[in-house]
Amino acid sequence: MEFFGWVATLLFGACYWPQLYRSYKRKSVGDISFWSWFIQMLAYIFGLVYGFRLNELPLEIGYLHGLFCTVVLLIMYFEYRE
């Protein structure tokens, strides 16, 4: 069962990189909703607590990676917004 957790972690993690790359390359975040990413950041924080409580490494790494990518994108949002 843990195999599925690791595959999900890798696939969810890969979802963020195209948006991060695109935002960085274009120096533009005009098509990004701040509130959507802010809510997602909160969800990752709660998910990370949940993953640590369950002591499930795939969840911990997945939520930590998602939180990292979300924070980076929010930083870019404030840096590049018009």
PDB file of N, CA and C in Angstrom:
ATOM      1  N   MET A   1       0.816  -1.192   0.000  1.00  0.00           N
ATOM      2  CA  MET A   1       0.000   0.000   0.000  1.00  0.00           C
ATOM      3  C   MET A   1       0.861   1.259   0.000  1.00  0.00           C
ATOM      4  N   GLU A   2       1.999   1.200   0.666  1.00  0.00           N
ATOM      5  CA  GLU A   2       2.868   2.372   0.742  1.00  0.00           C
ATOM      6  C   GLU A   2       3.350   2.801  -0.646  1.00  0.00           C
ATOM      7  N   PHE A   3       3.467   1.840  -1.564  1.00  0.00           N
ATOM      8  CA  PHE A   3       3.864   2.145  -2.936  1.00  0.00           C
ATOM      9  C   PHE A   3       2.942   3.194  -3.539  1.00  0.00           C
ATOM     10  N   PHE A   4       1.639   3.036  -3.336  1.00  0.00           N
ATOM     11  CA  PHE A   4       0.677   3.982  -3.885  1.00  0.00           C
ATOM     12  C   PHE A   4       0.844   5.368  -3.266  1.00  0.00           C
ATOM     13  N   GLY A   5       1.185   5.401  -1.998  1.00  0.00           N
ATOM     14  CA  GLY A   5       1.438   6.673  -1.332  1.00  0.00           C
ATOM     15  C   GLY A   5       2.630   7.395  -1.938  1.00  0.00           C
ATOM     16  N   TRP A   6       3.701   6.654  -2.232  1.00  0.00           N
ATOM     17  CA  TRP A   6       4.886   7.269  -2.830  1.00  0.00           C
ATOM     18  C   TRP A   6       4.613   7.731  -4.259  1.00  0.00           C
ATOM     19  N   VAL A   7       3.877   6.933  -5.025  1.00  0.00           N
ATOM     20  CA  VAL A   7       3.542   7.334  -6.395  1.00  0.00           C
ATOM     21  C   VAL A   7       2.681   8.597  -6.370  1.00  0.00           C
ATOM     22  N   ALA A   8       1.703   8.640  -5.487  1.00  0.00           N
ATOM     23  CA  ALA A   8       0.862   9.832  -5.369  1.00  0.00           C
ATOM     24  C   ALA A   8       1.693  11.046  -4.967  1.00  0.00           C
ATOM     25  N   THR A   9       2.619  10.873  -4.045  1.00  0.00           N
ATOM     26  CA  THR A   9       3.484  11.958  -3.611  1.00  0.00           C
ATOM     27  C   THR A   9       4.298  12.501  -4.783  1.00  0.00           C
ATOM     28  N   LEU A  10       4.867  11.610  -5.579  1.00  0.00           N
ATOM     29  CA  LEU A  10       5.662  12.045  -6.736  1.00  0.00           C
ATOM     30  C   LEU A  10       4.800  12.754  -7.780  1.00  0.00           C
ATOM     31  N   LEU A  11       3.630  12.217  -8.051  1.00  0.00           N
ATOM     32  CA  LEU A  11       2.768  12.828  -9.066  1.00  0.00           C
ATOM     33  C   LEU A  11       2.221  14.180  -8.617  1.00  0.00           C
ATOM     34  N   PHE A  12       1.774  14.271  -7.369  1.00  0.00           N
ATOM     35  CA  PHE A  12       1.302  15.562  -6.870  1.00  0.00           C
ATOM     36  C   PHE A  12       2.428  16.584  -6.858  1.00  0.00           C
ATOM     37  N   GLY A  13       3.613  16.141  -6.488  1.00  0.00           N
ATOM     38  CA  GLY A  13       4.758  17.049  -6.471  1.00  0.00           C
ATOM     39  C   GLY A  13       5.096  17.563  -7.860  1.00  0.00           C
ATOM     40  N   ALA A  14       4.997  16.696  -8.850  1.00  0.00           N
ATOM     41  CA  ALA A  14       5.311  17.093 -10.225  1.00  0.00           C
ATOM     42  C   ALA A  14       4.316  18.110 -10.774  1.00  0.00           C
ATOM     43  N   CYS A  15       3.134  18.168 -10.221  1.00  0.00           N
ATOM     44  CA  CYS A  15       2.114  19.110 -10.699  1.00  0.00           C
ATOM     45  C   CYS A  15       2.513  20.570 -10.495  1.00  0.00           C
ATOM     46  N   TYR A  16       3.317  20.852  -9.502  1.00  0.00           N
ATOM     47  CA  TYR A  16       3.649  22.240  -9.176  1.00  0.00           C
ATOM     48  C   TYR A  16       4.739  22.826 -10.054  1.00  0.00           C
ATOM     49  N   TRP A  17       5.666  22.010 -10.490  1.00  0.00           N
ATOM     50  CA  TRP A  17       6.849  22.526 -11.156  1.00  0.00           C
ATOM     51  C   TRP A  17       6.558  23.274 -12.454  1.00  0.00           C
ATOM     52  N   PRO A  18       5.613  22.840 -13.299  1.00  0.00           N
ATOM     53  CA  PRO A  18       5.336  23.634 -14.506  1.00  0.00           C
ATOM     54  C   PRO A  18       4.845  25.059 -14.186  1.00  0.00           C
ATOM     55  N   GLN A  19       3.985  25.197 -13.185  1.00  0.00           N
ATOM     56  CA  GLN A  19       3.493  26.534 -12.824  1.00  0.00           C
ATOM     57  C   GLN A  19       4.606  27.384 -12.225  1.00  0.00           C
ATOM     58  N   LEU A  20       5.429  26.792 -11.375  1.00  0.00           N
ATOM     59  CA  LEU A  20       6.553  27.524 -10.806  1.00  0.00           C
ATOM     60  C   LEU A  20       7.514  27.979 -11.903  1.00  0.00           C
ATOM     61  N   TYR A  21       7.820  27.087 -12.816  1.00  0.00           N
ATOM     62  CA  TYR A  21       8.736  27.413 -13.904  1.00  0.00           C
ATOM     63  C   TYR A  21       8.153  28.517 -14.785  1.00  0.00           C
ATOM     64  N   ARG A  22       6.891  28.379 -15.140  1.00  0.00           N
ATOM     65  CA  ARG A  22       6.235  29.361 -16.007  1.00  0.00           C
ATOM     66  C   ARG A  22       6.198  30.736 -15.343  1.00  0.00           C
ATOM     67  N   SER A  23       5.845  30.783 -14.083  1.00  0.00           N
ATOM     68  CA  SER A  23       5.777  32.060 -13.369  1.00  0.00           C
ATOM     69  C   SER A  23       7.159  32.694 -13.263  1.00  0.00           C
ATOM     70  N   TYR A  24       8.160  31.884 -12.989  1.00  0.00           N
ATOM     71  CA  TYR A  24       9.521  32.402 -12.870  1.00  0.00           C
ATOM     72  C   TYR A  24      10.037  32.894 -14.225  1.00  0.00           C
ATOM     73  N   LYS A  25       9.819  32.106 -15.261  1.00  0.00           N
ATOM     74  CA  LYS A  25      10.329  32.432 -16.595  1.00  0.00           C
ATOM     75  C   LYS A  25       9.686  33.709 -17.130  1.00  0.00           C
ATOM     76  N   ARG A  26       8.376  33.841 -16.947  1.00  0.00           N
ATOM     77  CA  ARG A  26       7.655  35.014 -17.460  1.00  0.00           C
ATOM     78  C   ARG A  26       7.694  36.204 -16.516  1.00  0.00           C
ATOM     79  N   LYS A  27       8.107  35.962 -15.284  1.00  0.00           N
ATOM     80  CA  LYS A  27       8.075  37.009 -14.253  1.00  0.00           C
ATOM     81  C   LYS A  27       6.673  37.620 -14.163  1.00  0.00           C
ATOM     82  N   SER A  28       5.691  36.739 -14.251  1.00  0.00           N
ATOM     83  CA  SER A  28       4.295  37.174 -14.234  1.00  0.00           C
ATOM     84  C   SER A  28       3.445  36.142 -13.507  1.00  0.00           C
ATOM     85  N   VAL A  29       2.534  36.634 -12.684  1.00  0.00           N
ATOM     86  CA  VAL A  29       1.607  35.762 -11.958  1.00  0.00           C
ATOM     87  C   VAL A  29       0.172  36.260 -12.125  1.00  0.00           C
ATOM     88  N   GLY A  30      -0.079  36.951 -13.221  1.00  0.00           N
ATOM     89  CA  GLY A  30      -1.389  37.549 -13.453  1.00  0.00           C
ATOM     90  C   GLY A  30      -2.523  36.545 -13.516  1.00  0.00           C
ATOM     91  N   ASP A  31      -2.222  35.324 -13.880  1.00  0.00           N
ATOM     92  CA  ASP A  31      -3.267  34.308 -14.009  1.00  0.00           C
ATOM     93  C   ASP A  31      -3.407  33.440 -12.761  1.00  0.00           C
ATOM     94  N   ILE A  32      -2.789  33.845 -11.665  1.00  0.00           N
ATOM     95  CA  ILE A  32      -2.820  33.062 -10.433  1.00  0.00           C
ATOM     96  C   ILE A  32      -3.740  33.730  -9.417  1.00  0.00           C
ATOM     97  N   SER A  33      -4.587  32.935  -8.790  1.00  0.00           N
ATOM     98  CA  SER A  33      -5.474  33.438  -7.744  1.00  0.00           C
ATOM     99  C   SER A  33      -4.754  33.363  -6.395  1.00  0.00           C
ATOM    100  N   PHE A  34      -4.524  34.513  -5.794  1.00  0.00           N
ATOM    101  CA  PHE A  34      -3.858  34.555  -4.494  1.00  0.00           C
ATOM    102  C   PHE A  34      -4.613  33.724  -3.470  1.00  0.00           C
ATOM    103  N   TRP A  35      -5.933  33.923  -3.391  1.00  0.00           N
ATOM    104  CA  TRP A  35      -6.718  33.243  -2.349  1.00  0.00           C
ATOM    105  C   TRP A  35      -6.735  31.734  -2.516  1.00  0.00           C
ATOM    106  N   SER A  36      -6.731  31.278  -3.738  1.00  0.00           N
ATOM    107  CA  SER A  36      -6.669  29.832  -3.974  1.00  0.00           C
ATOM    108  C   SER A  36      -5.374  29.248  -3.419  1.00  0.00           C
ATOM    109  N   TRP A  37      -4.256  29.912  -3.676  1.00  0.00           N
ATOM    110  CA  TRP A  37      -2.967  29.421  -3.191  1.00  0.00           C
ATOM    111  C   TRP A  37      -2.814  29.618  -1.697  1.00  0.00           C
ATOM    112  N   PHE A  38      -3.401  30.674  -1.152  1.00  0.00           N
ATOM    113  CA  PHE A  38      -3.341  30.899   0.288  1.00  0.00           C
ATOM    114  C   PHE A  38      -4.097  29.798   1.032  1.00  0.00           C
ATOM    115  N   ILE A  39      -5.291  29.458   0.538  1.00  0.00           N
ATOM    116  CA  ILE A  39      -6.078  28.381   1.146  1.00  0.00           C
ATOM    117  C   ILE A  39      -5.339  27.052   1.005  1.00  0.00           C
ATOM    118  N   GLN A  40      -4.704  26.865  -0.140  1.00  0.00           N
ATOM    119  CA  GLN A  40      -3.932  25.640  -0.343  1.00  0.00           C
ATOM    120  C   GLN A  40      -2.776  25.564   0.656  1.00  0.00           C
ATOM    121  N   MET A  41      -2.130  26.691   0.934  1.00  0.00           N
ATOM    122  CA  MET A  41      -1.051  26.715   1.915  1.00  0.00           C
ATOM    123  C   MET A  41      -1.562  26.290   3.295  1.00  0.00           C
ATOM    124  N   LEU A  42      -2.716  26.815   3.686  1.00  0.00           N
ATOM    125  CA  LEU A  42      -3.299  26.416   4.971  1.00  0.00           C
ATOM    126  C   LEU A  42      -3.617  24.928   4.995  1.00  0.00           C
ATOM    127  N   ALA A  43      -4.142  24.414   3.893  1.00  0.00           N
ATOM    128  CA  ALA A  43      -4.460  22.983   3.814  1.00  0.00           C
ATOM    129  C   ALA A  43      -3.192  22.143   3.975  1.00  0.00           C
ATOM    130  N   TYR A  44      -2.100  22.577   3.370  1.00  0.00           N
ATOM    131  CA  TYR A  44      -0.843  21.830   3.504  1.00  0.00           C
ATOM    132  C   TYR A  44      -0.321  21.869   4.935  1.00  0.00           C
ATOM    133  N   ILE A  45      -0.482  22.969   5.607  1.00  0.00           N
ATOM    134  CA  ILE A  45      -0.044  23.052   7.003  1.00  0.00           C
ATOM    135  C   ILE A  45      -0.816  22.054   7.854  1.00  0.00           C
ATOM    136  N   PHE A  46      -2.141  22.033   7.696  1.00  0.00           N
ATOM    137  CA  PHE A  46      -2.960  21.076   8.449  1.00  0.00           C
ATOM    138  C   PHE A  46      -2.649  19.641   8.029  1.00  0.00           C
ATOM    139  N   GLY A  47      -2.438  19.414   6.729  1.00  0.00           N
ATOM    140  CA  GLY A  47      -2.097  18.083   6.240  1.00  0.00           C
ATOM    141  C   GLY A  47      -0.760  17.610   6.778  1.00  0.00           C
ATOM    142  N   LEU A  48       0.178  18.531   6.899  1.00  0.00           N
ATOM    143  CA  LEU A  48       1.488  18.184   7.438  1.00  0.00           C
ATOM    144  C   LEU A  48       1.382  17.747   8.892  1.00  0.00           C
ATOM    145  N   VAL A  49       0.591  18.450   9.671  1.00  0.00           N
ATOM    146  CA  VAL A  49       0.356  18.050  11.062  1.00  0.00           C
ATOM    147  C   VAL A  49      -0.274  16.656  11.095  1.00  0.00           C
ATOM    148  N   TYR A  50      -1.244  16.431  10.231  1.00  0.00           N
ATOM    149  CA  TYR A  50      -1.911  15.133  10.142  1.00  0.00           C
ATOM    150  C   TYR A  50      -0.917  14.030   9.778  1.00  0.00           C
ATOM    151  N   GLY A  51      -0.066  14.287   8.784  1.00  0.00           N
ATOM    152  CA  GLY A  51       0.925  13.297   8.360  1.00  0.00           C
ATOM    153  C   GLY A  51       1.905  12.949   9.470  1.00  0.00           C
ATOM    154  N   PHE A  52       2.334  13.971  10.224  1.00  0.00           N
ATOM    155  CA  PHE A  52       3.245  13.706  11.341  1.00  0.00           C
ATOM    156  C   PHE A  52       2.554  12.928  12.458  1.00  0.00           C
ATOM    157  N   ARG A  53       1.283  13.217  12.690  1.00  0.00           N
ATOM    158  CA  ARG A  53       0.545  12.492  13.729  1.00  0.00           C
ATOM    159  C   ARG A  53       0.390  11.015  13.366  1.00  0.00           C
ATOM    160  N   LEU A  54       0.220  10.740  12.062  1.00  0.00           N
ATOM    161  CA  LEU A  54       0.097   9.351  11.613  1.00  0.00           C
ATOM    162  C   LEU A  54       1.455   8.685  11.426  1.00  0.00           C
ATOM    163  N   ASN A  55       2.515   9.478  11.413  1.00  0.00           N
ATOM    164  CA  ASN A  55       3.863   8.978  11.176  1.00  0.00           C
ATOM    165  C   ASN A  55       3.954   8.269   9.822  1.00  0.00           C
ATOM    166  N   GLU A  56       3.383   8.916   8.798  1.00  0.00           N
ATOM    167  CA  GLU A  56       3.389   8.385   7.432  1.00  0.00           C
ATOM    168  C   GLU A  56       4.324   9.225   6.577  1.00  0.00           C
ATOM    169  N   LEU A  57       5.486   8.686   6.268  1.00  0.00           N
ATOM    170  CA  LEU A  57       6.505   9.429   5.539  1.00  0.00           C
ATOM    171  C   LEU A  57       6.033   9.932   4.175  1.00  0.00           C
ATOM    172  N   PRO A  58       5.304   9.133   3.366  1.00  0.00           N
ATOM    173  CA  PRO A  58       4.852   9.682   2.083  1.00  0.00           C
ATOM    174  C   PRO A  58       3.962  10.922   2.255  1.00  0.00           C
ATOM    175  N   LEU A  59       3.089  10.904   3.253  1.00  0.00           N
ATOM    176  CA  LEU A  59       2.245  12.074   3.506  1.00  0.00           C
ATOM    177  C   LEU A  59       3.081  13.260   3.967  1.00  0.00           C
ATOM    178  N   GLU A  60       4.007  13.002   4.864  1.00  0.00           N
ATOM    179  CA  GLU A  60       4.846  14.081   5.388  1.00  0.00           C
ATOM    180  C   GLU A  60       5.632  14.748   4.268  1.00  0.00           C
ATOM    181  N   ILE A  61       6.266  13.956   3.425  1.00  0.00           N
ATOM    182  CA  ILE A  61       7.066  14.509   2.332  1.00  0.00           C
ATOM    183  C   ILE A  61       6.173  15.198   1.310  1.00  0.00           C
ATOM    184  N   GLY A  62       5.049  14.586   0.980  1.00  0.00           N
ATOM    185  CA  GLY A  62       4.132  15.190   0.014  1.00  0.00           C
ATOM    186  C   GLY A  62       3.598  16.534   0.482  1.00  0.00           C
ATOM    187  N   TYR A  63       3.144  16.587   1.719  1.00  0.00           N
ATOM    188  CA  TYR A  63       2.623  17.847   2.256  1.00  0.00           C
ATOM    189  C   TYR A  63       3.729  18.881   2.421  1.00  0.00           C
ATOM    190  N   LEU A  64       4.902  18.461   2.807  1.00  0.00           N
ATOM    191  CA  LEU A  64       6.019  19.382   2.959  1.00  0.00           C
ATOM    192  C   LEU A  64       6.427  19.960   1.596  1.00  0.00           C
ATOM    193  N   HIS A  65       6.492  19.111   0.599  1.00  0.00           N
ATOM    194  CA  HIS A  65       6.827  19.572  -0.749  1.00  0.00           C
ATOM    195  C   HIS A  65       5.752  20.522  -1.272  1.00  0.00           C
ATOM    196  N   GLY A  66       4.496  20.160  -1.088  1.00  0.00           N
ATOM    197  CA  GLY A  66       3.407  21.035  -1.519  1.00  0.00           C
ATOM    198  C   GLY A  66       3.441  22.378  -0.818  1.00  0.00           C
ATOM    199  N   LEU A  67       3.716  22.364   0.475  1.00  0.00           N
ATOM    200  CA  LEU A  67       3.815  23.608   1.239  1.00  0.00           C
ATOM    201  C   LEU A  67       4.973  24.453   0.716  1.00  0.00           C
ATOM    202  N   PHE A  68       6.109  23.823   0.470  1.00  0.00           N
ATOM    203  CA  PHE A  68       7.269  24.546  -0.064  1.00  0.00           C
ATOM    204  C   PHE A  68       6.933  25.208  -1.401  1.00  0.00           C
ATOM    205  N   CYS A  69       6.359  24.447  -2.325  1.00  0.00           N
ATOM    206  CA  CYS A  69       6.017  24.990  -3.642  1.00  0.00           C
ATOM    207  C   CYS A  69       4.990  26.105  -3.540  1.00  0.00           C
ATOM    208  N   THR A  70       4.019  25.945  -2.662  1.00  0.00           N
ATOM    209  CA  THR A  70       2.993  26.968  -2.482  1.00  0.00           C
ATOM    210  C   THR A  70       3.591  28.244  -1.923  1.00  0.00           C
ATOM    211  N   VAL A  71       4.464  28.127  -0.944  1.00  0.00           N
ATOM    212  CA  VAL A  71       5.109  29.312  -0.366  1.00  0.00           C
ATOM    213  C   VAL A  71       5.971  30.008  -1.425  1.00  0.00           C
ATOM    214  N   VAL A  72       6.724  29.241  -2.213  1.00  0.00           N
ATOM    215  CA  VAL A  72       7.543  29.836  -3.276  1.00  0.00           C
ATOM    216  C   VAL A  72       6.653  30.578  -4.263  1.00  0.00           C
ATOM    217  N   LEU A  73       5.534  29.981  -4.648  1.00  0.00           N
ATOM    218  CA  LEU A  73       4.632  30.637  -5.597  1.00  0.00           C
ATOM    219  C   LEU A  73       4.015  31.891  -4.996  1.00  0.00           C
ATOM    220  N   LEU A  74       3.674  31.856  -3.721  1.00  0.00           N
ATOM    221  CA  LEU A  74       3.129  33.057  -3.082  1.00  0.00           C
ATOM    222  C   LEU A  74       4.191  34.158  -2.992  1.00  0.00           C
ATOM    223  N   ILE A  75       5.426  33.789  -2.762  1.00  0.00           N
ATOM    224  CA  ILE A  75       6.508  34.784  -2.773  1.00  0.00           C
ATOM    225  C   ILE A  75       6.621  35.398  -4.171  1.00  0.00           C
ATOM    226  N   MET A  76       6.583  34.558  -5.190  1.00  0.00           N
ATOM    227  CA  MET A  76       6.620  35.070  -6.558  1.00  0.00           C
ATOM    228  C   MET A  76       5.406  35.954  -6.843  1.00  0.00           C
ATOM    229  N   TYR A  77       4.269  35.588  -6.277  1.00  0.00           N
ATOM    230  CA  TYR A  77       3.061  36.388  -6.485  1.00  0.00           C
ATOM    231  C   TYR A  77       3.299  37.830  -6.014  1.00  0.00           C
ATOM    232  N   PHE A  78       3.860  37.984  -4.836  1.00  0.00           N
ATOM    233  CA  PHE A  78       4.105  39.337  -4.317  1.00  0.00           C
ATOM    234  C   PHE A  78       5.262  40.027  -5.058  1.00  0.00           C
ATOM    235  N   GLU A  79       6.194  39.240  -5.553  1.00  0.00           N
ATOM    236  CA  GLU A  79       7.329  39.812  -6.283  1.00  0.00           C
ATOM    237  C   GLU A  79       6.946  40.277  -7.685  1.00  0.00           C
ATOM    238  N   TYR A  80       6.117  39.491  -8.381  1.00  0.00           N
ATOM    239  CA  TYR A  80       5.844  39.721  -9.806  1.00  0.00           C
ATOM    240  C   TYR A  80       4.469  40.309 -10.113  1.00  0.00           C
ATOM    241  N   ARG A  81       3.621  40.462  -9.133  1.00  0.00           N
ATOM    242  CA  ARG A  81       2.269  40.938  -9.453  1.00  0.00           C
ATOM    243  C   ARG A  81       2.336  42.345 -10.043  1.00  0.00           C
ATOM    244  N   GLU A  82       1.359  42.596 -10.881  1.00  0.00           N
ATOM    245  CA  GLU A  82       1.339  43.889 -11.591  1.00  0.00           C
ATOM    246  C   GLU A  82       0.635  44.958 -10.820  1.00  0.00           C
TER     247      GLU A  82
END
